[in-house]
Amino acid sequence: PLDDSAVHPERYALVQTMAKNKGVAIKDLIGNK
């Protein structure tokens, strides 16, 4: 889902880490205010 965002591919791993630390998949982190 990050491919339809303004997040740069060089930061995908960072977002993956954020999602992992929250115990959710990236798609479930997106829009989860």
Full PDB file with SEQRES, HELIX, SHEET, SSBOND, CRYST1, ORIGX, SCALE, CONECT and MASTER records, all heavy atoms in Angstrom:
SEQRES   1 A   33  PRO LEU ASP ASP SER ALA VAL HIS PRO GLU ARG TYR ALA          
SEQRES   2 A   33  LEU VAL GLN THR MET ALA LYS ASN LYS GLY VAL ALA ILE          
SEQRES   3 A   33  LYS ASP LEU ILE GLY ASN LYS                                  
HELIX    1 AA1 LEU A    2  ASP A    4  5                                   3    
HELIX    2 AA2 PRO A    9  ARG A   11  5                                   3    
HELIX    3 AA3 TYR A   12  LYS A   22  1                                  11    
HELIX    4 AA4 ILE A   26  LEU A   29  1                                   4    
CRYST1    1.000    1.000    1.000  90.00  90.00  90.00 P 1           1          
ORIGX1      1.000000  0.000000  0.000000        0.00000                         
ORIGX2      0.000000  1.000000  0.000000        0.00000                         
ORIGX3      0.000000  0.000000  1.000000        0.00000                         
SCALE1      1.000000  0.000000  0.000000        0.00000                         
SCALE2      0.000000  1.000000  0.000000        0.00000                         
SCALE3      0.000000  0.000000  1.000000        0.00000                         
ATOM      1  N   PRO A   1       0.802  -1.230   0.000  1.00  0.00           N  
ATOM      2  CA  PRO A   1       0.000   0.000   0.000  1.00  0.00           C  
ATOM      3  C   PRO A   1       0.834   1.279   0.000  1.00  0.00           C  
ATOM      4  O   PRO A   1       0.333   2.337  -0.379  1.00  0.00           O  
ATOM      5  CB  PRO A   1      -0.829  -0.117   1.286  1.00  0.00           C  
ATOM      6  CG  PRO A   1      -0.103  -1.104   2.147  1.00  0.00           C  
ATOM      7  CD  PRO A   1       0.569  -2.052   1.207  1.00  0.00           C  
ATOM      8  N   LEU A   2       2.097   1.188   0.396  1.00  0.00           N  
ATOM      9  CA  LEU A   2       2.960   2.377   0.392  1.00  0.00           C  
ATOM     10  C   LEU A   2       3.252   2.851  -1.031  1.00  0.00           C  
ATOM     11  O   LEU A   2       3.647   4.005  -1.235  1.00  0.00           O  
ATOM     12  CB  LEU A   2       4.285   2.091   1.117  1.00  0.00           C  
ATOM     13  CG  LEU A   2       4.186   1.796   2.619  1.00  0.00           C  
ATOM     14  CD1 LEU A   2       5.561   1.494   3.189  1.00  0.00           C  
ATOM     15  CD2 LEU A   2       3.562   2.981   3.362  1.00  0.00           C  
ATOM     16  N   ASP A   3       3.052   1.949  -2.015  1.00  0.00           N  
ATOM     17  CA  ASP A   3       3.293   2.324  -3.415  1.00  0.00           C  
ATOM     18  C   ASP A   3       2.269   3.332  -3.925  1.00  0.00           C  
ATOM     19  O   ASP A   3       2.455   3.914  -4.993  1.00  0.00           O  
ATOM     20  CB  ASP A   3       3.277   1.078  -4.314  1.00  0.00           C  
ATOM     21  CG  ASP A   3       4.553   0.246  -4.172  1.00  0.00           C  
ATOM     22  OD1 ASP A   3       5.521   0.766  -3.577  1.00  0.00           O  
ATOM     23  OD2 ASP A   3       4.561  -0.902  -4.640  1.00  0.00           O  
ATOM     24  N   ASP A   4       1.175   3.524  -3.178  1.00  0.00           N  
ATOM     25  CA  ASP A   4       0.183   4.546  -3.534  1.00  0.00           C  
ATOM     26  C   ASP A   4       0.232   5.699  -2.533  1.00  0.00           C  
ATOM     27  O   ASP A   4      -0.779   6.288  -2.181  1.00  0.00           O  
ATOM     28  CB  ASP A   4      -1.225   3.935  -3.566  1.00  0.00           C  
ATOM     29  CG  ASP A   4      -2.261   4.902  -4.149  1.00  0.00           C  
ATOM     30  OD1 ASP A   4      -1.853   5.818  -4.897  1.00  0.00           O  
ATOM     31  OD2 ASP A   4      -3.457   4.753  -3.840  1.00  0.00           O  
ATOM     32  N   SER A   5       1.444   5.995  -2.080  1.00  0.00           N  
ATOM     33  CA  SER A   5       1.623   7.088  -1.109  1.00  0.00           C  
ATOM     34  C   SER A   5       2.842   7.908  -1.492  1.00  0.00           C  
ATOM     35  O   SER A   5       3.573   7.564  -2.416  1.00  0.00           O  
ATOM     36  CB  SER A   5       1.818   6.517   0.299  1.00  0.00           C  
ATOM     37  OG  SER A   5       3.144   5.999   0.445  1.00  0.00           O  
ATOM     38  N   ALA A   6       3.057   8.992  -0.735  1.00  0.00           N  
ATOM     39  CA  ALA A   6       4.234   9.833  -0.968  1.00  0.00           C  
ATOM     40  C   ALA A   6       5.419   9.407  -0.111  1.00  0.00           C  
ATOM     41  O   ALA A   6       6.436  10.094  -0.061  1.00  0.00           O  
ATOM     42  CB  ALA A   6       3.887  11.295  -0.680  1.00  0.00           C  
ATOM     43  N   VAL A   7       5.298   8.265   0.574  1.00  0.00           N  
ATOM     44  CA  VAL A   7       6.434   7.733   1.333  1.00  0.00           C  
ATOM     45  C   VAL A   7       7.481   7.237   0.338  1.00  0.00           C  
ATOM     46  O   VAL A   7       7.167   6.470  -0.585  1.00  0.00           O  
ATOM     47  CB  VAL A   7       6.001   6.584   2.264  1.00  0.00           C  
ATOM     48  CG1 VAL A   7       7.216   5.983   2.986  1.00  0.00           C  
ATOM     49  CG2 VAL A   7       4.981   7.082   3.282  1.00  0.00           C  
ATOM     50  N   HIS A   8       8.729   7.666   0.506  1.00  0.00           N  
ATOM     51  CA  HIS A   8       9.787   7.269  -0.426  1.00  0.00           C  
ATOM     52  C   HIS A   8      10.172   5.811  -0.183  1.00  0.00           C  
ATOM     53  O   HIS A   8      10.240   5.363   0.968  1.00  0.00           O  
ATOM     54  CB  HIS A   8      11.015   8.171  -0.236  1.00  0.00           C  
ATOM     55  CG  HIS A   8      11.941   8.145  -1.397  1.00  0.00           C  
ATOM     56  ND1 HIS A   8      12.768   7.072  -1.671  1.00  0.00           N  
ATOM     57  CD2 HIS A   8      12.173   9.055  -2.382  1.00  0.00           C  
ATOM     58  CE1 HIS A   8      13.469   7.322  -2.768  1.00  0.00           C  
ATOM     59  NE2 HIS A   8      13.129   8.521  -3.225  1.00  0.00           N  
ATOM     60  N   PRO A   9      10.429   5.046  -1.258  1.00  0.00           N  
ATOM     61  CA  PRO A   9      10.828   3.640  -1.086  1.00  0.00           C  
ATOM     62  C   PRO A   9      12.017   3.452  -0.145  1.00  0.00           C  
ATOM     63  O   PRO A   9      12.120   2.401   0.508  1.00  0.00           O  
ATOM     64  CB  PRO A   9      11.188   3.205  -2.517  1.00  0.00           C  
ATOM     65  CG  PRO A   9      10.333   4.060  -3.389  1.00  0.00           C  
ATOM     66  CD  PRO A   9      10.249   5.384  -2.685  1.00  0.00           C  
ATOM     67  N   GLU A  10      12.900   4.455  -0.054  1.00  0.00           N  
ATOM     68  CA  GLU A  10      14.051   4.340   0.844  1.00  0.00           C  
ATOM     69  C   GLU A  10      13.625   4.314   2.319  1.00  0.00           C  
ATOM     70  O   GLU A  10      14.436   3.990   3.198  1.00  0.00           O  
ATOM     71  CB  GLU A  10      15.045   5.482   0.597  1.00  0.00           C  
ATOM     72  CG  GLU A  10      14.515   6.861   0.968  1.00  0.00           C  
ATOM     73  CD  GLU A  10      15.432   8.005   0.542  1.00  0.00           C  
ATOM     74  OE1 GLU A  10      16.439   7.741  -0.146  1.00  0.00           O  
ATOM     75  OE2 GLU A  10      15.132   9.159   0.898  1.00  0.00           O  
ATOM     76  N   ARG A  11      12.349   4.647   2.605  1.00  0.00           N  
ATOM     77  CA  ARG A  11      11.848   4.663   3.989  1.00  0.00           C  
ATOM     78  C   ARG A  11      10.827   3.541   4.251  1.00  0.00           C  
ATOM     79  O   ARG A  11      10.208   3.519   5.304  1.00  0.00           O  
ATOM     80  CB  ARG A  11      11.207   6.023   4.309  1.00  0.00           C  
ATOM     81  CG  ARG A  11      12.120   7.207   4.108  1.00  0.00           C  
ATOM     82  CD  ARG A  11      13.331   7.169   5.021  1.00  0.00           C  
ATOM     83  NE  ARG A  11      14.250   8.272   4.740  1.00  0.00           N  
ATOM     84  CZ  ARG A  11      15.574   8.161   4.722  1.00  0.00           C  
ATOM     85  NH1 ARG A  11      16.146   6.978   4.966  1.00  0.00           N  
ATOM     86  NH2 ARG A  11      16.330   9.212   4.460  1.00  0.00           N  
ATOM     87  N   TYR A  12      10.656   2.623   3.294  1.00  0.00           N  
ATOM     88  CA  TYR A  12       9.711   1.524   3.501  1.00  0.00           C  
ATOM     89  C   TYR A  12      10.118   0.674   4.710  1.00  0.00           C  
ATOM     90  O   TYR A  12       9.261   0.247   5.500  1.00  0.00           O  
ATOM     91  CB  TYR A  12       9.639   0.631   2.259  1.00  0.00           C  
ATOM     92  CG  TYR A  12       8.802   1.179   1.112  1.00  0.00           C  
ATOM     93  CD1 TYR A  12       8.331   2.488   1.124  1.00  0.00           C  
ATOM     94  CD2 TYR A  12       8.479   0.384   0.014  1.00  0.00           C  
ATOM     95  CE1 TYR A  12       7.569   2.984   0.070  1.00  0.00           C  
ATOM     96  CE2 TYR A  12       7.720   0.863  -1.044  1.00  0.00           C  
ATOM     97  CZ  TYR A  12       7.273   2.171  -1.011  1.00  0.00           C  
ATOM     98  OH  TYR A  12       6.521   2.656  -2.052  1.00  0.00           O  
ATOM     99  N   ALA A  13      11.405   0.394   4.821  1.00  0.00           N  
ATOM    100  CA  ALA A  13      11.887  -0.438   5.942  1.00  0.00           C  
ATOM    101  C   ALA A  13      11.573   0.219   7.281  1.00  0.00           C  
ATOM    102  O   ALA A  13      11.222  -0.464   8.254  1.00  0.00           O  
ATOM    103  CB  ALA A  13      13.387  -0.683   5.801  1.00  0.00           C  
ATOM    104  N   LEU A  14      11.686   1.543   7.319  1.00  0.00           N  
ATOM    105  CA  LEU A  14      11.383   2.288   8.545  1.00  0.00           C  
ATOM    106  C   LEU A  14       9.905   2.128   8.912  1.00  0.00           C  
ATOM    107  O   LEU A  14       9.561   1.881  10.084  1.00  0.00           O  
ATOM    108  CB  LEU A  14      11.726   3.771   8.345  1.00  0.00           C  
ATOM    109  CG  LEU A  14      11.324   4.731   9.463  1.00  0.00           C  
ATOM    110  CD1 LEU A  14      12.068   4.417  10.745  1.00  0.00           C  
ATOM    111  CD2 LEU A  14      11.595   6.179   9.046  1.00  0.00           C  
ATOM    112  N   VAL A  15       9.022   2.266   7.916  1.00  0.00           N  
ATOM    113  CA  VAL A  15       7.584   2.110   8.170  1.00  0.00           C  
ATOM    114  C   VAL A  15       7.279   0.674   8.602  1.00  0.00           C  
ATOM    115  O   VAL A  15       6.454   0.441   9.501  1.00  0.00           O  
ATOM    116  CB  VAL A  15       6.759   2.484   6.912  1.00  0.00           C  
ATOM    117  CG1 VAL A  15       5.277   2.244   7.157  1.00  0.00           C  
ATOM    118  CG2 VAL A  15       7.001   3.939   6.529  1.00  0.00           C  
ATOM    119  N   GLN A  16       7.981  -0.295   8.008  1.00  0.00           N  
ATOM    120  CA  GLN A  16       7.810  -1.702   8.388  1.00  0.00           C  
ATOM    121  C   GLN A  16       8.168  -1.900   9.859  1.00  0.00           C  
ATOM    122  O   GLN A  16       7.459  -2.598  10.604  1.00  0.00           O  
ATOM    123  CB  GLN A  16       8.712  -2.579   7.501  1.00  0.00           C  
ATOM    124  CG  GLN A  16       8.637  -4.069   7.802  1.00  0.00           C  
ATOM    125  CD  GLN A  16       7.299  -4.676   7.418  1.00  0.00           C  
ATOM    126  OE1 GLN A  16       6.870  -4.575   6.275  1.00  0.00           O  
ATOM    127  NE2 GLN A  16       6.618  -5.292   8.371  1.00  0.00           N  
ATOM    128  N   THR A  17       9.244  -1.250  10.283  1.00  0.00           N  
ATOM    129  CA  THR A  17       9.668  -1.336  11.691  1.00  0.00           C  
ATOM    130  C   THR A  17       8.618  -0.724  12.608  1.00  0.00           C  
ATOM    131  O   THR A  17       8.291  -1.281  13.666  1.00  0.00           O  
ATOM    132  CB  THR A  17      11.024  -0.620  11.880  1.00  0.00           C  
ATOM    133  OG1 THR A  17      11.989  -1.215  11.013  1.00  0.00           O  
ATOM    134  CG2 THR A  17      11.508  -0.736  13.315  1.00  0.00           C  
ATOM    135  N   MET A  18       8.076   0.449  12.196  1.00  0.00           N  
ATOM    136  CA  MET A  18       7.029   1.103  12.993  1.00  0.00           C  
ATOM    137  C   MET A  18       5.821   0.176  13.158  1.00  0.00           C  
ATOM    138  O   MET A  18       5.272   0.023  14.266  1.00  0.00           O  
ATOM    139  CB  MET A  18       6.577   2.400  12.317  1.00  0.00           C  
ATOM    140  CG  MET A  18       7.560   3.542  12.380  1.00  0.00           C  
ATOM    141  SD  MET A  18       6.899   4.985  11.474  1.00  0.00           S  
ATOM    142  CE  MET A  18       8.152   6.215  11.814  1.00  0.00           C  
ATOM    143  N   ALA A  19       5.399  -0.441  12.044  1.00  0.00           N  
ATOM    144  CA  ALA A  19       4.233  -1.329  12.077  1.00  0.00           C  
ATOM    145  C   ALA A  19       4.509  -2.549  12.957  1.00  0.00           C  
ATOM    146  O   ALA A  19       3.656  -2.962  13.761  1.00  0.00           O  
ATOM    147  CB  ALA A  19       3.876  -1.764  10.655  1.00  0.00           C  
ATOM    148  N   LYS A  20       5.700  -3.114  12.806  1.00  0.00           N  
ATOM    149  CA  LYS A  20       6.090  -4.293  13.596  1.00  0.00           C  
ATOM    150  C   LYS A  20       6.068  -3.976  15.086  1.00  0.00           C  
ATOM    151  O   LYS A  20       5.576  -4.765  15.903  1.00  0.00           O  
ATOM    152  CB  LYS A  20       7.481  -4.754  13.152  1.00  0.00           C  
ATOM    153  CG  LYS A  20       7.923  -6.055  13.803  1.00  0.00           C  
ATOM    154  CD  LYS A  20       9.302  -6.457  13.287  1.00  0.00           C  
ATOM    155  CE  LYS A  20       9.773  -7.743  13.976  1.00  0.00           C  
ATOM    156  NZ  LYS A  20      11.144  -8.134  13.535  1.00  0.00           N  
ATOM    157  N   ASN A  21       6.609  -2.790  15.450  1.00  0.00           N  
ATOM    158  CA  ASN A  21       6.648  -2.393  16.860  1.00  0.00           C  
ATOM    159  C   ASN A  21       5.253  -2.180  17.433  1.00  0.00           C  
ATOM    160  O   ASN A  21       5.049  -2.241  18.647  1.00  0.00           O  
ATOM    161  CB  ASN A  21       7.486  -1.124  17.029  1.00  0.00           C  
ATOM    162  CG  ASN A  21       8.959  -1.377  16.770  1.00  0.00           C  
ATOM    163  OD1 ASN A  21       9.407  -2.528  16.747  1.00  0.00           O  
ATOM    164  ND2 ASN A  21       9.732  -0.313  16.576  1.00  0.00           N  
ATOM    165  N   LYS A  22       4.294  -1.868  16.541  1.00  0.00           N  
ATOM    166  CA  LYS A  22       2.908  -1.692  16.980  1.00  0.00           C  
ATOM    167  C   LYS A  22       2.114  -3.005  16.893  1.00  0.00           C  
ATOM    168  O   LYS A  22       0.932  -3.049  17.256  1.00  0.00           O  
ATOM    169  CB  LYS A  22       2.213  -0.611  16.122  1.00  0.00           C  
ATOM    170  CG  LYS A  22       2.607   0.809  16.493  1.00  0.00           C  
ATOM    171  CD  LYS A  22       2.082   1.151  17.879  1.00  0.00           C  
ATOM    172  CE  LYS A  22       2.646   2.443  18.400  1.00  0.00           C  
ATOM    173  NZ  LYS A  22       2.219   2.702  19.788  1.00  0.00           N  
ATOM    174  N   GLY A  23       2.782  -4.018  16.354  1.00  0.00           N  
ATOM    175  CA  GLY A  23       2.133  -5.322  16.267  1.00  0.00           C  
ATOM    176  C   GLY A  23       1.059  -5.407  15.212  1.00  0.00           C  
ATOM    177  O   GLY A  23       0.100  -6.180  15.341  1.00  0.00           O  
ATOM    178  N   VAL A  24       1.194  -4.600  14.147  1.00  0.00           N  
ATOM    179  CA  VAL A  24       0.203  -4.622  13.063  1.00  0.00           C  
ATOM    180  C   VAL A  24       0.912  -4.683  11.712  1.00  0.00           C  
ATOM    181  O   VAL A  24       2.107  -4.402  11.611  1.00  0.00           O  
ATOM    182  CB  VAL A  24      -0.714  -3.369  13.091  1.00  0.00           C  
ATOM    183  CG1 VAL A  24      -1.528  -3.317  14.371  1.00  0.00           C  
ATOM    184  CG2 VAL A  24       0.106  -2.087  12.929  1.00  0.00           C  
ATOM    185  N   ALA A  25       0.146  -5.063  10.678  1.00  0.00           N  
ATOM    186  CA  ALA A  25       0.675  -5.015   9.315  1.00  0.00           C  
ATOM    187  C   ALA A  25       0.660  -3.564   8.830  1.00  0.00           C  
ATOM    188  O   ALA A  25      -0.076  -2.730   9.360  1.00  0.00           O  
ATOM    189  CB  ALA A  25      -0.173  -5.883   8.396  1.00  0.00           C  
ATOM    190  N   ILE A  26       1.463  -3.279   7.812  1.00  0.00           N  
ATOM    191  CA  ILE A  26       1.523  -1.916   7.270  1.00  0.00           C  
ATOM    192  C   ILE A  26       0.139  -1.446   6.842  1.00  0.00           C  
ATOM    193  O   ILE A  26      -0.257  -0.316   7.127  1.00  0.00           O  
ATOM    194  CB  ILE A  26       2.516  -1.836   6.083  1.00  0.00           C  
ATOM    195  CG1 ILE A  26       3.959  -1.968   6.587  1.00  0.00           C  
ATOM    196  CG2 ILE A  26       2.351  -0.508   5.338  1.00  0.00           C  
ATOM    197  CD1 ILE A  26       5.005  -1.966   5.486  1.00  0.00           C  
ATOM    198  N   LYS A  27      -0.618  -2.316   6.175  1.00  0.00           N  
ATOM    199  CA  LYS A  27      -1.946  -1.911   5.681  1.00  0.00           C  
ATOM    200  C   LYS A  27      -2.888  -1.541   6.826  1.00  0.00           C  
ATOM    201  O   LYS A  27      -3.807  -0.730   6.653  1.00  0.00           O  
ATOM    202  CB  LYS A  27      -2.552  -3.002   4.801  1.00  0.00           C  
ATOM    203  CG  LYS A  27      -2.891  -4.297   5.506  1.00  0.00           C  
ATOM    204  CD  LYS A  27      -3.467  -5.309   4.522  1.00  0.00           C  
ATOM    205  CE  LYS A  27      -3.737  -6.659   5.192  1.00  0.00           C  
ATOM    206  NZ  LYS A  27      -4.726  -6.601   6.262  1.00  0.00           N  
ATOM    207  N   ASP A  28      -2.653  -2.125   8.015  1.00  0.00           N  
ATOM    208  CA  ASP A  28      -3.494  -1.809   9.171  1.00  0.00           C  
ATOM    209  C   ASP A  28      -2.997  -0.572   9.916  1.00  0.00           C  
ATOM    210  O   ASP A  28      -3.749   0.022  10.700  1.00  0.00           O  
ATOM    211  CB  ASP A  28      -3.540  -3.007  10.126  1.00  0.00           C  
ATOM    212  CG  ASP A  28      -4.163  -4.230   9.466  1.00  0.00           C  
ATOM    213  OD1 ASP A  28      -5.151  -4.047   8.729  1.00  0.00           O  
ATOM    214  OD2 ASP A  28      -3.643  -5.346   9.660  1.00  0.00           O  
ATOM    215  N   LEU A  29      -1.735  -0.217   9.681  1.00  0.00           N  
ATOM    216  CA  LEU A  29      -1.199   1.009  10.291  1.00  0.00           C  
ATOM    217  C   LEU A  29      -1.677   2.242   9.516  1.00  0.00           C  
ATOM    218  O   LEU A  29      -1.945   3.294  10.102  1.00  0.00           O  
ATOM    219  CB  LEU A  29       0.333   0.954  10.297  1.00  0.00           C  
ATOM    220  CG  LEU A  29       1.065   2.122  10.985  1.00  0.00           C  
ATOM    221  CD1 LEU A  29       0.742   2.176  12.479  1.00  0.00           C  
ATOM    222  CD2 LEU A  29       2.579   2.015  10.770  1.00  0.00           C  
ATOM    223  N   ILE A  30      -1.796   2.084   8.196  1.00  0.00           N  
ATOM    224  CA  ILE A  30      -2.210   3.204   7.342  1.00  0.00           C  
ATOM    225  C   ILE A  30      -3.645   3.623   7.679  1.00  0.00           C  
ATOM    226  O   ILE A  30      -4.554   2.797   7.737  1.00  0.00           O  
ATOM    227  CB  ILE A  30      -2.104   2.818   5.853  1.00  0.00           C  
ATOM    228  CG1 ILE A  30      -0.626   2.678   5.444  1.00  0.00           C  
ATOM    229  CG2 ILE A  30      -2.787   3.850   4.962  1.00  0.00           C  
ATOM    230  CD1 ILE A  30      -0.412   2.147   4.054  1.00  0.00           C  
ATOM    231  N   GLY A  31      -3.818   4.908   7.933  1.00  0.00           N  
ATOM    232  CA  GLY A  31      -5.136   5.443   8.252  1.00  0.00           C  
ATOM    233  C   GLY A  31      -5.545   5.232   9.700  1.00  0.00           C  
ATOM    234  O   GLY A  31      -6.609   5.707  10.121  1.00  0.00           O  
ATOM    235  N   ASN A  32      -4.715   4.522  10.474  1.00  0.00           N  
ATOM    236  CA  ASN A  32      -5.011   4.259  11.891  1.00  0.00           C  
ATOM    237  C   ASN A  32      -4.470   5.415  12.724  1.00  0.00           C  
ATOM    238  O   ASN A  32      -3.345   5.371  13.229  1.00  0.00           O  
ATOM    239  CB  ASN A  32      -4.367   2.931  12.308  1.00  0.00           C  
ATOM    240  CG  ASN A  32      -4.790   2.495  13.697  1.00  0.00           C  
ATOM    241  OD1 ASN A  32      -5.197   3.317  14.530  1.00  0.00           O  
ATOM    242  ND2 ASN A  32      -4.675   1.193  13.958  1.00  0.00           N  
ATOM    243  N   LYS A  33      -5.266   6.468  12.826  1.00  0.00           N  
ATOM    244  CA  LYS A  33      -4.804   7.702  13.452  1.00  0.00           C  
ATOM    245  C   LYS A  33      -4.341   7.483  14.894  1.00  0.00           C  
ATOM    246  O   LYS A  33      -3.323   8.031  15.325  1.00  0.00           O  
ATOM    247  CB  LYS A  33      -5.916   8.752  13.405  1.00  0.00           C  
ATOM    248  CG  LYS A  33      -5.424  10.162  13.692  1.00  0.00           C  
ATOM    249  CD  LYS A  33      -6.499  11.195  13.386  1.00  0.00           C  
ATOM    250  CE  LYS A  33      -5.934  12.600  13.611  1.00  0.00           C  
ATOM    251  NZ  LYS A  33      -6.941  13.645  13.361  1.00  0.00           N  
TER     252      LYS A  33                                                      
MASTER        0    0    0    4    0    0    0    6  251    1    0    3          
END                                                                             
